[in-house]
Each structure stands twice: as structure tokens, then as C-alpha cells.
Amino acid sequence: MAKAYWIARVDVHDPETYKLYLAANQIAFAKYGARYVVRGGAFECVDGTSRSRNVVIEFPDLATAQACYASPEYQAGLVHRKAASVADVIVIEGYEGPQPGAQSPTSFRH
């Protein structure tokens, strides 16, 4: 079963309120087995648009990632994020198929 991820791009305009969100989301993340893959950090936008903060959170599978987002624990903290920031968030299933170097480039399908 493929892992799943939340990919979030965030611009924070109220850091103090955003801290309330960060504290609250830890409850849901612990309950649903979340693991930070990317949490802030230096980045370079090499194409397209960006936001000031980027986060990738790994979950055991897509159903768990979706359940975490919909959970009462996460929703309770989400009100703080919405009050303190503008964000784009997707929940996406991971990929477990062939990887570069494993096949010829012409055999890959998107």
C-alpha cells in the first residue's frame, strides 16, 4: 500500500495565532502516525509561484491522511491556521512504481 502525503504551501500573516495551530495539529498528527518530510527550510522556487513556507507530511496511506484532515482533532486547530495564514494544501497518494534508472526513459507513462 502506497504512503500518502499532505503537501502544504503557506503564507503566514499572524505568527502568534499560527503558533496555536502548530501546537494543536500535533495531537492529530500523533494520532494518525504523521511524519514530517519537509517542514519549512530553505528553498528556491525554480518555476511557477511559491509561498513562504512549505510542508510535506507523510502518512501510512491515503485513507489515514484523509482521516487525519477530517478528524475533530485537526479541525479544532485548523481554525487557527485559517485565521493566521493563506494556504494551499493537497492530500496525495504516493507513488510506488518504476523509478528513474530502472527502465528506459521512453517506457515511463504519466
PDB file of N, CA and C in Angstrom:
ATOM      1  N   MET A   1       0.845  -1.176   0.000  1.00  0.00           N
ATOM      2  CA  MET A   1       0.000   0.000   0.000  1.00  0.00           C
ATOM      3  C   MET A   1       0.893   1.242   0.000  1.00  0.00           C
ATOM      4  N   ALA A   2       0.604   2.177  -0.874  1.00  0.00           N
ATOM      5  CA  ALA A   2       1.415   3.393  -1.003  1.00  0.00           C
ATOM      6  C   ALA A   2       1.186   4.337   0.166  1.00  0.00           C
ATOM      7  N   LYS A   3       2.255   4.976   0.580  1.00  0.00           N
ATOM      8  CA  LYS A   3       2.132   6.035   1.582  1.00  0.00           C
ATOM      9  C   LYS A   3       1.369   7.195   0.941  1.00  0.00           C
ATOM     10  N   ALA A   4       0.966   8.151   1.764  1.00  0.00           N
ATOM     11  CA  ALA A   4       0.286   9.340   1.264  1.00  0.00           C
ATOM     12  C   ALA A   4       0.880  10.562   1.946  1.00  0.00           C
ATOM     13  N   TYR A   5       0.622  11.722   1.362  1.00  0.00           N
ATOM     14  CA  TYR A   5       1.257  12.945   1.823  1.00  0.00           C
ATOM     15  C   TYR A   5       0.286  14.109   1.835  1.00  0.00           C
ATOM     16  N   TRP A   6       0.493  15.005   2.776  1.00  0.00           N
ATOM     17  CA  TRP A   6      -0.085  16.332   2.704  1.00  0.00           C
ATOM     18  C   TRP A   6       1.031  17.211   2.160  1.00  0.00           C
ATOM     19  N   ILE A   7       0.732  17.999   1.161  1.00  0.00           N
ATOM     20  CA  ILE A   7       1.678  18.980   0.657  1.00  0.00           C
ATOM     21  C   ILE A   7       1.031  20.342   0.859  1.00  0.00           C
ATOM     22  N   ALA A   8       1.678  21.174   1.665  1.00  0.00           N
ATOM     23  CA  ALA A   8       1.118  22.482   2.011  1.00  0.00           C
ATOM     24  C   ALA A   8       2.106  23.579   1.655  1.00  0.00           C
ATOM     25  N   ARG A   9       1.549  24.647   1.094  1.00  0.00           N
ATOM     26  CA  ARG A   9       2.303  25.869   0.812  1.00  0.00           C
ATOM     27  C   ARG A   9       1.576  26.965   1.562  1.00  0.00           C
ATOM     28  N   VAL A  10       2.285  27.709   2.399  1.00  0.00           N
ATOM     29  CA  VAL A  10       1.629  28.610   3.342  1.00  0.00           C
ATOM     30  C   VAL A  10       2.318  29.977   3.392  1.00  0.00           C
ATOM     31  N   ASP A  11       1.505  31.027   3.452  1.00  0.00           N
ATOM     32  CA  ASP A  11       1.975  32.376   3.783  1.00  0.00           C
ATOM     33  C   ASP A  11       1.324  32.747   5.109  1.00  0.00           C
ATOM     34  N   VAL A  12       2.137  32.957   6.125  1.00  0.00           N
ATOM     35  CA  VAL A  12       1.645  33.292   7.466  1.00  0.00           C
ATOM     36  C   VAL A  12       1.638  34.807   7.629  1.00  0.00           C
ATOM     37  N   HIS A  13       0.483  35.355   8.031  1.00  0.00           N
ATOM     38  CA  HIS A  13       0.403  36.794   8.276  1.00  0.00           C
ATOM     39  C   HIS A  13       0.182  37.131   9.752  1.00  0.00           C
ATOM     40  N   ASP A  14      -0.050  36.125  10.596  1.00  0.00           N
ATOM     41  CA  ASP A  14      -0.219  36.315  12.036  1.00  0.00           C
ATOM     42  C   ASP A  14       0.536  35.194  12.758  1.00  0.00           C
ATOM     43  N   PRO A  15       1.835  35.390  12.988  1.00  0.00           N
ATOM     44  CA  PRO A  15       2.656  34.321  13.569  1.00  0.00           C
ATOM     45  C   PRO A  15       2.190  33.839  14.943  1.00  0.00           C
ATOM     46  N   GLU A  16       1.671  34.713  15.775  1.00  0.00           N
ATOM     47  CA  GLU A  16       1.237  34.299  17.112  1.00  0.00           C
ATOM     48  C   GLU A  16       0.042  33.354  17.041  1.00  0.00           C
ATOM     49  N   THR A  17      -0.929  33.661  16.202  1.00  0.00           N
ATOM     50  CA  THR A  17      -2.083  32.770  16.038  1.00  0.00           C
ATOM     51  C   THR A  17      -1.661  31.480  15.354  1.00  0.00           C
ATOM     52  N   TYR A  18      -0.727  31.567  14.424  1.00  0.00           N
ATOM     53  CA  TYR A  18      -0.239  30.366  13.735  1.00  0.00           C
ATOM     54  C   TYR A  18       0.408  29.397  14.716  1.00  0.00           C
ATOM     55  N   LYS A  19       1.048  29.906  15.762  1.00  0.00           N
ATOM     56  CA  LYS A  19       1.640  29.038  16.781  1.00  0.00           C
ATOM     57  C   LYS A  19       0.568  28.182  17.461  1.00  0.00           C
ATOM     58  N   LEU A  20      -0.647  28.714  17.615  1.00  0.00           N
ATOM     59  CA  LEU A  20      -1.754  27.939  18.193  1.00  0.00           C
ATOM     60  C   LEU A  20      -2.097  26.758  17.288  1.00  0.00           C
ATOM     61  N   TYR A  21      -2.093  26.997  15.983  1.00  0.00           N
ATOM     62  CA  TYR A  21      -2.332  25.921  15.011  1.00  0.00           C
ATOM     63  C   TYR A  21      -1.243  24.861  15.108  1.00  0.00           C
ATOM     64  N   LEU A  22       0.012  25.284  15.158  1.00  0.00           N
ATOM     65  CA  LEU A  22       1.128  24.330  15.227  1.00  0.00           C
ATOM     66  C   LEU A  22       1.029  23.447  16.466  1.00  0.00           C
ATOM     67  N   ALA A  23       0.647  24.030  17.581  1.00  0.00           N
ATOM     68  CA  ALA A  23       0.506  23.246  18.811  1.00  0.00           C
ATOM     69  C   ALA A  23      -0.667  22.280  18.705  1.00  0.00           C
ATOM     70  N   ALA A  24      -1.774  22.729  18.174  1.00  0.00           N
ATOM     71  CA  ALA A  24      -2.980  21.901  18.091  1.00  0.00           C
ATOM     72  C   ALA A  24      -2.828  20.756  17.100  1.00  0.00           C
ATOM     73  N   ASN A  25      -2.151  20.990  15.976  1.00  0.00           N
ATOM     74  CA  ASN A  25      -2.080  19.931  14.969  1.00  0.00           C
ATOM     75  C   ASN A  25      -1.240  18.741  15.420  1.00  0.00           C
ATOM     76  N   GLN A  26      -0.386  18.925  16.396  1.00  0.00           N
ATOM     77  CA  GLN A  26       0.450  17.826  16.888  1.00  0.00           C
ATOM     78  C   GLN A  26      -0.383  16.678  17.463  1.00  0.00           C
ATOM     79  N   ILE A  27      -1.534  16.995  18.023  1.00  0.00           N
ATOM     80  CA  ILE A  27      -2.423  15.973  18.578  1.00  0.00           C
ATOM     81  C   ILE A  27      -2.911  15.046  17.463  1.00  0.00           C
ATOM     82  N   ALA A  28      -3.416  15.634  16.397  1.00  0.00           N
ATOM     83  CA  ALA A  28      -3.902  14.830  15.265  1.00  0.00           C
ATOM     84  C   ALA A  28      -2.753  14.089  14.589  1.00  0.00           C
ATOM     85  N   PHE A  29      -1.627  14.758  14.403  1.00  0.00           N
ATOM     86  CA  PHE A  29      -0.501  14.129  13.719  1.00  0.00           C
ATOM     87  C   PHE A  29       0.008  12.909  14.485  1.00  0.00           C
ATOM     88  N   ALA A  30       0.065  13.001  15.792  1.00  0.00           N
ATOM     89  CA  ALA A  30       0.493  11.855  16.603  1.00  0.00           C
ATOM     90  C   ALA A  30      -0.516  10.717  16.496  1.00  0.00           C
ATOM     91  N   LYS A  31      -1.791  11.039  16.554  1.00  0.00           N
ATOM     92  CA  LYS A  31      -2.846  10.021  16.494  1.00  0.00           C
ATOM     93  C   LYS A  31      -2.833   9.264  15.166  1.00  0.00           C
ATOM     94  N   TYR A  32      -2.542   9.958  14.059  1.00  0.00           N
ATOM     95  CA  TYR A  32      -2.624   9.350  12.737  1.00  0.00           C
ATOM     96  C   TYR A  32      -1.261   8.946  12.154  1.00  0.00           C
ATOM     97  N   GLY A  33      -0.229   8.954  12.961  1.00  0.00           N
ATOM     98  CA  GLY A  33       1.078   8.461  12.518  1.00  0.00           C
ATOM     99  C   GLY A  33       1.765   9.332  11.492  1.00  0.00           C
ATOM    100  N   ALA A  34       1.556  10.637  11.562  1.00  0.00           N
ATOM    101  CA  ALA A  34       2.174  11.555  10.612  1.00  0.00           C
ATOM    102  C   ALA A  34       3.666  11.696  10.890  1.00  0.00           C
ATOM    103  N   ARG A  35       4.401  11.982   9.808  1.00  0.00           N
ATOM    104  CA  ARG A  35       5.848  12.200   9.917  1.00  0.00           C
ATOM    105  C   ARG A  35       6.227  13.345   8.985  1.00  0.00           C
ATOM    106  N   TYR A  36       6.893  14.362   9.540  1.00  0.00           N
ATOM    107  CA  TYR A  36       7.344  15.469   8.695  1.00  0.00           C
ATOM    108  C   TYR A  36       8.446  14.993   7.761  1.00  0.00           C
ATOM    109  N   VAL A  37       8.299  15.293   6.481  1.00  0.00           N
ATOM    110  CA  VAL A  37       9.337  15.057   5.488  1.00  0.00           C
ATOM    111  C   VAL A  37      10.020  16.385   5.176  1.00  0.00           C
ATOM    112  N   VAL A  38       9.211  17.434   5.056  1.00  0.00           N
ATOM    113  CA  VAL A  38       9.686  18.802   4.860  1.00  0.00           C
ATOM    114  C   VAL A  38       8.891  19.676   5.815  1.00  0.00           C
ATOM    115  N   ARG A  39       9.572  20.541   6.542  1.00  0.00           N
ATOM    116  CA  ARG A  39       8.885  21.462   7.450  1.00  0.00           C
ATOM    117  C   ARG A  39       9.640  22.778   7.428  1.00  0.00           C
ATOM    118  N   GLY A  40       9.191  23.678   6.541  1.00  0.00           N
ATOM    119  CA  GLY A  40       9.906  24.937   6.379  1.00  0.00           C
ATOM    120  C   GLY A  40      11.195  24.676   5.636  1.00  0.00           C
ATOM    121  N   GLY A  41      12.241  25.303   6.056  1.00  0.00           N
ATOM    122  CA  GLY A  41      13.538  25.081   5.430  1.00  0.00           C
ATOM    123  C   GLY A  41      13.790  25.988   4.235  1.00  0.00           C
ATOM    124  N   ALA A  42      15.039  26.096   3.893  1.00  0.00           N
ATOM    125  CA  ALA A  42      15.447  26.913   2.750  1.00  0.00           C
ATOM    126  C   ALA A  42      14.939  26.276   1.467  1.00  0.00           C
ATOM    127  N   PHE A  43      14.527  27.115   0.526  1.00  0.00           N
ATOM    128  CA  PHE A  43      14.080  26.599  -0.769  1.00  0.00           C
ATOM    129  C   PHE A  43      14.322  27.642  -1.842  1.00  0.00           C
ATOM    130  N   GLU A  44      14.267  27.187  -3.071  1.00  0.00           N
ATOM    131  CA  GLU A  44      14.364  28.055  -4.237  1.00  0.00           C
ATOM    132  C   GLU A  44      13.206  27.712  -5.155  1.00  0.00           C
ATOM    133  N   CYS A  45      12.401  28.676  -5.491  1.00  0.00           N
ATOM    134  CA  CYS A  45      11.327  28.463  -6.461  1.00  0.00           C
ATOM    135  C   CYS A  45      11.956  28.582  -7.848  1.00  0.00           C
ATOM    136  N   VAL A  46      12.088  27.462  -8.544  1.00  0.00           N
ATOM    137  CA  VAL A  46      12.760  27.461  -9.841  1.00  0.00           C
ATOM    138  C   VAL A  46      11.790  27.583 -11.002  1.00  0.00           C
ATOM    139  N   ASP A  47      10.483  27.487 -10.723  1.00  0.00           N
ATOM    140  CA  ASP A  47       9.486  27.601 -11.786  1.00  0.00           C
ATOM    141  C   ASP A  47       8.123  27.840 -11.145  1.00  0.00           C
ATOM    142  N   GLY A  48       7.315  28.688 -11.714  1.00  0.00           N
ATOM    143  CA  GLY A  48       5.979  28.923 -11.183  1.00  0.00           C
ATOM    144  C   GLY A  48       5.975  29.865  -9.994  1.00  0.00           C
ATOM    145  N   THR A  49       4.990  29.673  -9.114  1.00  0.00           N
ATOM    146  CA  THR A  49       4.838  30.538  -7.952  1.00  0.00           C
ATOM    147  C   THR A  49       5.147  29.764  -6.676  1.00  0.00           C
ATOM    148  N   SER A  50       5.327  30.489  -5.589  1.00  0.00           N
ATOM    149  CA  SER A  50       5.589  29.833  -4.318  1.00  0.00           C
ATOM    150  C   SER A  50       4.947  30.622  -3.194  1.00  0.00           C
ATOM    151  N   ARG A  51       4.957  30.031  -2.027  1.00  0.00           N
ATOM    152  CA  ARG A  51       4.585  30.707  -0.789  1.00  0.00           C
ATOM    153  C   ARG A  51       5.804  30.664   0.121  1.00  0.00           C
ATOM    154  N   SER A  52       5.739  31.347   1.235  1.00  0.00           N
ATOM    155  CA  SER A  52       6.930  31.493   2.080  1.00  0.00           C
ATOM    156  C   SER A  52       7.265  30.253   2.905  1.00  0.00           C
ATOM    157  N   ARG A  53       6.308  29.360   3.099  1.00  0.00           N
ATOM    158  CA  ARG A  53       6.542  28.164   3.922  1.00  0.00           C
ATOM    159  C   ARG A  53       6.029  26.945   3.167  1.00  0.00           C
ATOM    160  N   ASN A  54       6.795  25.864   3.176  1.00  0.00           N
ATOM    161  CA  ASN A  54       6.428  24.620   2.501  1.00  0.00           C
ATOM    162  C   ASN A  54       6.530  23.467   3.487  1.00  0.00           C
ATOM    163  N   VAL A  55       5.536  22.577   3.454  1.00  0.00           N
ATOM    164  CA  VAL A  55       5.500  21.451   4.380  1.00  0.00           C
ATOM    165  C   VAL A  55       5.034  20.209   3.619  1.00  0.00           C
ATOM    166  N   VAL A  56       5.715  19.081   3.847  1.00  0.00           N
ATOM    167  CA  VAL A  56       5.288  17.782   3.333  1.00  0.00           C
ATOM    168  C   VAL A  56       5.214  16.857   4.539  1.00  0.00           C
ATOM    169  N   ILE A  57       4.031  16.250   4.726  1.00  0.00           N
ATOM    170  CA  ILE A  57       3.807  15.358   5.860  1.00  0.00           C
ATOM    171  C   ILE A  57       3.423  13.992   5.317  1.00  0.00           C
ATOM    172  N   GLU A  58       4.100  12.955   5.777  1.00  0.00           N
ATOM    173  CA  GLU A  58       3.880  11.583   5.313  1.00  0.00           C
ATOM    174  C   GLU A  58       2.925  10.854   6.254  1.00  0.00           C
ATOM    175  N   PHE A  59       2.029  10.058   5.652  1.00  0.00           N
ATOM    176  CA  PHE A  59       1.087   9.211   6.380  1.00  0.00           C
ATOM    177  C   PHE A  59       1.219   7.777   5.876  1.00  0.00           C
ATOM    178  N   PRO A  60       0.781   6.808   6.661  1.00  0.00           N
ATOM    179  CA  PRO A  60       0.899   5.408   6.244  1.00  0.00           C
ATOM    180  C   PRO A  60       0.179   5.091   4.928  1.00  0.00           C
ATOM    181  N   ASP A  61      -0.949   5.768   4.657  1.00  0.00           N
ATOM    182  CA  ASP A  61      -1.714   5.514   3.437  1.00  0.00           C
ATOM    183  C   ASP A  61      -2.691   6.660   3.208  1.00  0.00           C
ATOM    184  N   LEU A  62      -3.364   6.646   2.056  1.00  0.00           N
ATOM    185  CA  LEU A  62      -4.265   7.725   1.684  1.00  0.00           C
ATOM    186  C   LEU A  62      -5.452   7.842   2.631  1.00  0.00           C
ATOM    187  N   ALA A  63      -6.041   6.728   3.018  1.00  0.00           N
ATOM    188  CA  ALA A  63      -7.194   6.774   3.921  1.00  0.00           C
ATOM    189  C   ALA A  63      -6.822   7.426   5.252  1.00  0.00           C
ATOM    190  N   THR A  64      -5.639   7.141   5.758  1.00  0.00           N
ATOM    191  CA  THR A  64      -5.191   7.727   7.022  1.00  0.00           C
ATOM    192  C   THR A  64      -4.946   9.227   6.866  1.00  0.00           C
ATOM    193  N   ALA A  65      -4.340   9.633   5.755  1.00  0.00           N
ATOM    194  CA  ALA A  65      -4.094  11.054   5.504  1.00  0.00           C
ATOM    195  C   ALA A  65      -5.414  11.822   5.420  1.00  0.00           C
ATOM    196  N   GLN A  66      -6.391  11.244   4.746  1.00  0.00           N
ATOM    197  CA  GLN A  66      -7.702  11.891   4.629  1.00  0.00           C
ATOM    198  C   GLN A  66      -8.418  11.932   5.973  1.00  0.00           C
ATOM    199  N   ALA A  67      -8.327  10.848   6.726  1.00  0.00           N
ATOM    200  CA  ALA A  67      -8.977  10.787   8.041  1.00  0.00           C
ATOM    201  C   ALA A  67      -8.370  11.811   8.999  1.00  0.00           C
ATOM    202  N   CYS A  68      -7.070  12.002   8.940  1.00  0.00           N
ATOM    203  CA  CYS A  68      -6.422  12.989   9.796  1.00  0.00           C
ATOM    204  C   CYS A  68      -6.958  14.389   9.497  1.00  0.00           C
ATOM    205  N   TYR A  69      -7.034  14.738   8.213  1.00  0.00           N
ATOM    206  CA  TYR A  69      -7.513  16.076   7.851  1.00  0.00           C
ATOM    207  C   TYR A  69      -8.949  16.290   8.323  1.00  0.00           C
ATOM    208  N   ALA A  70      -9.780  15.283   8.211  1.00  0.00           N
ATOM    209  CA  ALA A  70     -11.194  15.392   8.584  1.00  0.00           C
ATOM    210  C   ALA A  70     -11.435  15.225  10.081  1.00  0.00           C
ATOM    211  N   SER A  71     -10.424  14.811  10.829  1.00  0.00           N
ATOM    212  CA  SER A  71     -10.606  14.490  12.248  1.00  0.00           C
ATOM    213  C   SER A  71     -10.984  15.713  13.076  1.00  0.00           C
ATOM    214  N   PRO A  72     -11.745  15.487  14.139  1.00  0.00           N
ATOM    215  CA  PRO A  72     -12.075  16.593  15.043  1.00  0.00           C
ATOM    216  C   PRO A  72     -10.830  17.240  15.651  1.00  0.00           C
ATOM    217  N   GLU A  73      -9.793  16.432  15.903  1.00  0.00           N
ATOM    218  CA  GLU A  73      -8.558  16.960  16.474  1.00  0.00           C
ATOM    219  C   GLU A  73      -7.892  17.970  15.534  1.00  0.00           C
ATOM    220  N   TYR A  74      -7.807  17.615  14.249  1.00  0.00           N
ATOM    221  CA  TYR A  74      -7.178  18.537  13.296  1.00  0.00           C
ATOM    222  C   TYR A  74      -8.074  19.738  13.021  1.00  0.00           C
ATOM    223  N   GLN A  75      -9.347  19.494  12.845  1.00  0.00           N
ATOM    224  CA  GLN A  75     -10.272  20.587  12.541  1.00  0.00           C
ATOM    225  C   GLN A  75     -10.296  21.633  13.654  1.00  0.00           C
ATOM    226  N   ALA A  76     -10.109  21.208  14.893  1.00  0.00           N
ATOM    227  CA  ALA A  76     -10.081  22.154  16.013  1.00  0.00           C
ATOM    228  C   ALA A  76      -8.927  23.145  15.881  1.00  0.00           C
ATOM    229  N   GLY A  77      -7.796  22.696  15.401  1.00  0.00           N
ATOM    230  CA  GLY A  77      -6.648  23.580  15.212  1.00  0.00           C
ATOM    231  C   GLY A  77      -6.683  24.341  13.904  1.00  0.00           C
ATOM    232  N   LEU A  78      -7.361  23.781  12.920  1.00  0.00           N
ATOM    233  CA  LEU A  78      -7.402  24.377  11.582  1.00  0.00           C
ATOM    234  C   LEU A  78      -7.977  25.793  11.603  1.00  0.00           C
ATOM    235  N   VAL A  79      -8.884  26.073  12.503  1.00  0.00           N
ATOM    236  CA  VAL A  79      -9.454  27.422  12.579  1.00  0.00           C
ATOM    237  C   VAL A  79      -8.348  28.454  12.820  1.00  0.00           C
ATOM    238  N   HIS A  80      -7.322  28.085  13.571  1.00  0.00           N
ATOM    239  CA  HIS A  80      -6.204  28.998  13.825  1.00  0.00           C
ATOM    240  C   HIS A  80      -5.369  29.212  12.565  1.00  0.00           C
ATOM    241  N   ARG A  81      -5.134  28.127  11.814  1.00  0.00           N
ATOM    242  CA  ARG A  81      -4.356  28.292  10.573  1.00  0.00           C
ATOM    243  C   ARG A  81      -5.095  29.191   9.595  1.00  0.00           C
ATOM    244  N   LYS A  82      -6.391  28.981   9.469  1.00  0.00           N
ATOM    245  CA  LYS A  82      -7.162  29.797   8.527  1.00  0.00           C
ATOM    246  C   LYS A  82      -7.208  31.262   8.946  1.00  0.00           C
ATOM    247  N   ALA A  83      -7.191  31.523  10.249  1.00  0.00           N
ATOM    248  CA  ALA A  83      -7.196  32.897  10.738  1.00  0.00           C
ATOM    249  C   ALA A  83      -5.830  33.563  10.580  1.00  0.00           C
ATOM    250  N   ALA A  84      -4.762  32.759  10.561  1.00  0.00           N
ATOM    251  CA  ALA A  84      -3.403  33.293  10.604  1.00  0.00           C
ATOM    252  C   ALA A  84      -2.648  33.226   9.290  1.00  0.00           C
ATOM    253  N   SER A  85      -3.230  32.587   8.270  1.00  0.00           N
ATOM    254  CA  SER A  85      -2.448  32.353   7.061  1.00  0.00           C
ATOM    255  C   SER A  85      -3.340  32.140   5.843  1.00  0.00           C
ATOM    256  N   VAL A  86      -2.676  32.097   4.700  1.00  0.00           N
ATOM    257  CA  VAL A  86      -3.290  31.684   3.438  1.00  0.00           C
ATOM    258  C   VAL A  86      -2.508  30.455   3.009  1.00  0.00           C
ATOM    259  N   ALA A  87      -3.226  29.384   2.628  1.00  0.00           N
ATOM    260  CA  ALA A  87      -2.526  28.140   2.322  1.00  0.00           C
ATOM    261  C   ALA A  87      -3.160  27.402   1.159  1.00  0.00           C
ATOM    262  N   ASP A  88      -2.337  26.614   0.504  1.00  0.00           N
ATOM    263  CA  ASP A  88      -2.763  25.632  -0.485  1.00  0.00           C
ATOM    264  C   ASP A  88      -2.347  24.287   0.093  1.00  0.00           C
ATOM    265  N   VAL A  89      -3.291  23.362   0.229  1.00  0.00           N
ATOM    266  CA  VAL A  89      -2.994  22.053   0.814  1.00  0.00           C
ATOM    267  C   VAL A  89      -3.602  20.975  -0.063  1.00  0.00           C
ATOM    268  N   ILE A  90      -2.818  19.973  -0.392  1.00  0.00           N
ATOM    269  CA  ILE A  90      -3.356  18.806  -1.091  1.00  0.00           C
ATOM    270  C   ILE A  90      -3.034  17.558  -0.287  1.00  0.00           C
ATOM    271  N   VAL A  91      -3.877  16.560  -0.427  1.00  0.00           N
ATOM    272  CA  VAL A  91      -3.638  15.231   0.129  1.00  0.00           C
ATOM    273  C   VAL A  91      -3.460  14.332  -1.084  1.00  0.00           C
ATOM    274  N   ILE A  92      -2.324  13.652  -1.150  1.00  0.00           N
ATOM    275  CA  ILE A  92      -1.986  12.912  -2.368  1.00  0.00           C
ATOM    276  C   ILE A  92      -1.390  11.550  -2.036  1.00  0.00           C
ATOM    277  N   GLU A  93      -1.738  10.584  -2.832  1.00  0.00           N
ATOM    278  CA  GLU A  93      -1.191   9.239  -2.678  1.00  0.00           C
ATOM    279  C   GLU A  93       0.216   9.187  -3.251  1.00  0.00           C
ATOM    280  N   GLY A  94       1.096   8.482  -2.572  1.00  0.00           N
ATOM    281  CA  GLY A  94       2.462   8.316  -3.034  1.00  0.00           C
ATOM    282  C   GLY A  94       2.554   7.390  -4.236  1.00  0.00           C
ATOM    283  N   TYR A  95       3.736   7.308  -4.796  1.00  0.00           N
ATOM    284  CA  TYR A  95       3.995   6.516  -5.993  1.00  0.00           C
ATOM    285  C   TYR A  95       4.938   5.383  -5.647  1.00  0.00           C
ATOM    286  N   GLU A  96       4.602   4.178  -6.076  1.00  0.00           N
ATOM    287  CA  GLU A  96       5.455   3.022  -5.808  1.00  0.00           C
ATOM    288  C   GLU A  96       5.865   2.275  -7.073  1.00  0.00           C
ATOM    289  N   GLY A  97       5.747   2.925  -8.221  1.00  0.00           N
ATOM    290  CA  GLY A  97       6.079   2.278  -9.484  1.00  0.00           C
ATOM    291  C   GLY A  97       7.556   2.384  -9.832  1.00  0.00           C
ATOM    292  N   PRO A  98       7.878   2.115 -11.102  1.00  0.00           N
ATOM    293  CA  PRO A  98       9.265   2.156 -11.559  1.00  0.00           C
ATOM    294  C   PRO A  98       9.903   3.519 -11.299  1.00  0.00           C
ATOM    295  N   GLN A  99      11.198   3.500 -11.044  1.00  0.00           N
ATOM    296  CA  GLN A  99      11.943   4.715 -10.760  1.00  0.00           C
ATOM    297  C   GLN A  99      12.977   4.968 -11.845  1.00  0.00           C
ATOM    298  N   PRO A 100      13.454   6.214 -11.951  1.00  0.00           N
ATOM    299  CA  PRO A 100      14.484   6.528 -12.945  1.00  0.00           C
ATOM    300  C   PRO A 100      15.675   5.576 -12.803  1.00  0.00           C
ATOM    301  N   GLY A 101      16.168   5.152 -13.929  1.00  0.00           N
ATOM    302  CA  GLY A 101      17.293   4.218 -13.930  1.00  0.00           C
ATOM    303  C   GLY A 101      16.848   2.767 -13.967  1.00  0.00           C
ATOM    304  N   ALA A 102      15.600   2.514 -13.619  1.00  0.00           N
ATOM    305  CA  ALA A 102      15.081   1.151 -13.606  1.00  0.00           C
ATOM    306  C   ALA A 102      14.561   0.729 -14.973  1.00  0.00           C
ATOM    307  N   GLN A 103      14.205   1.704 -15.794  1.00  0.00           N
ATOM    308  CA  GLN A 103      13.684   1.436 -17.133  1.00  0.00           C
ATOM    309  C   GLN A 103      14.231   2.483 -18.083  1.00  0.00           C
ATOM    310  N   SER A 104      14.031   2.262 -19.358  1.00  0.00           N
ATOM    311  CA  SER A 104      14.437   3.283 -20.314  1.00  0.00           C
ATOM    312  C   SER A 104      13.468   4.459 -20.208  1.00  0.00           C
ATOM    313  N   PRO A 105      13.908   5.683 -20.481  1.00  0.00           N
ATOM    314  CA  PRO A 105      13.055   6.871 -20.354  1.00  0.00           C
ATOM    315  C   PRO A 105      11.775   6.798 -21.180  1.00  0.00           C
ATOM    316  N   THR A 106      11.791   6.092 -22.286  1.00  0.00           N
ATOM    317  CA  THR A 106      10.591   6.040 -23.134  1.00  0.00           C
ATOM    318  C   THR A 106       9.529   5.109 -22.578  1.00  0.00           C
ATOM    319  N   SER A 107       9.858   4.300 -21.584  1.00  0.00           N
ATOM    320  CA  SER A 107       8.871   3.359 -21.046  1.00  0.00           C
ATOM    321  C   SER A 107       8.044   3.967 -19.906  1.00  0.00           C
ATOM    322  N   PHE A 108       8.374   5.181 -19.454  1.00  0.00           N
ATOM    323  CA  PHE A 108       7.603   5.828 -18.391  1.00  0.00           C
ATOM    324  C   PHE A 108       6.305   6.387 -18.935  1.00  0.00           C
ATOM    325  N   ARG A 109       5.249   6.242 -18.175  1.00  0.00           N
ATOM    326  CA  ARG A 109       3.956   6.812 -18.507  1.00  0.00           C
ATOM    327  C   ARG A 109       3.512   7.674 -17.344  1.00  0.00           C
ATOM    328  N   HIS A 110       2.959   8.839 -17.621  1.00  0.00           N
ATOM    329  CA  HIS A 110       2.483   9.755 -16.565  1.00  0.00           C
ATOM    330  C   HIS A 110       1.062   9.428 -16.207  1.00  0.00           C
TER     331      HIS A 110
END
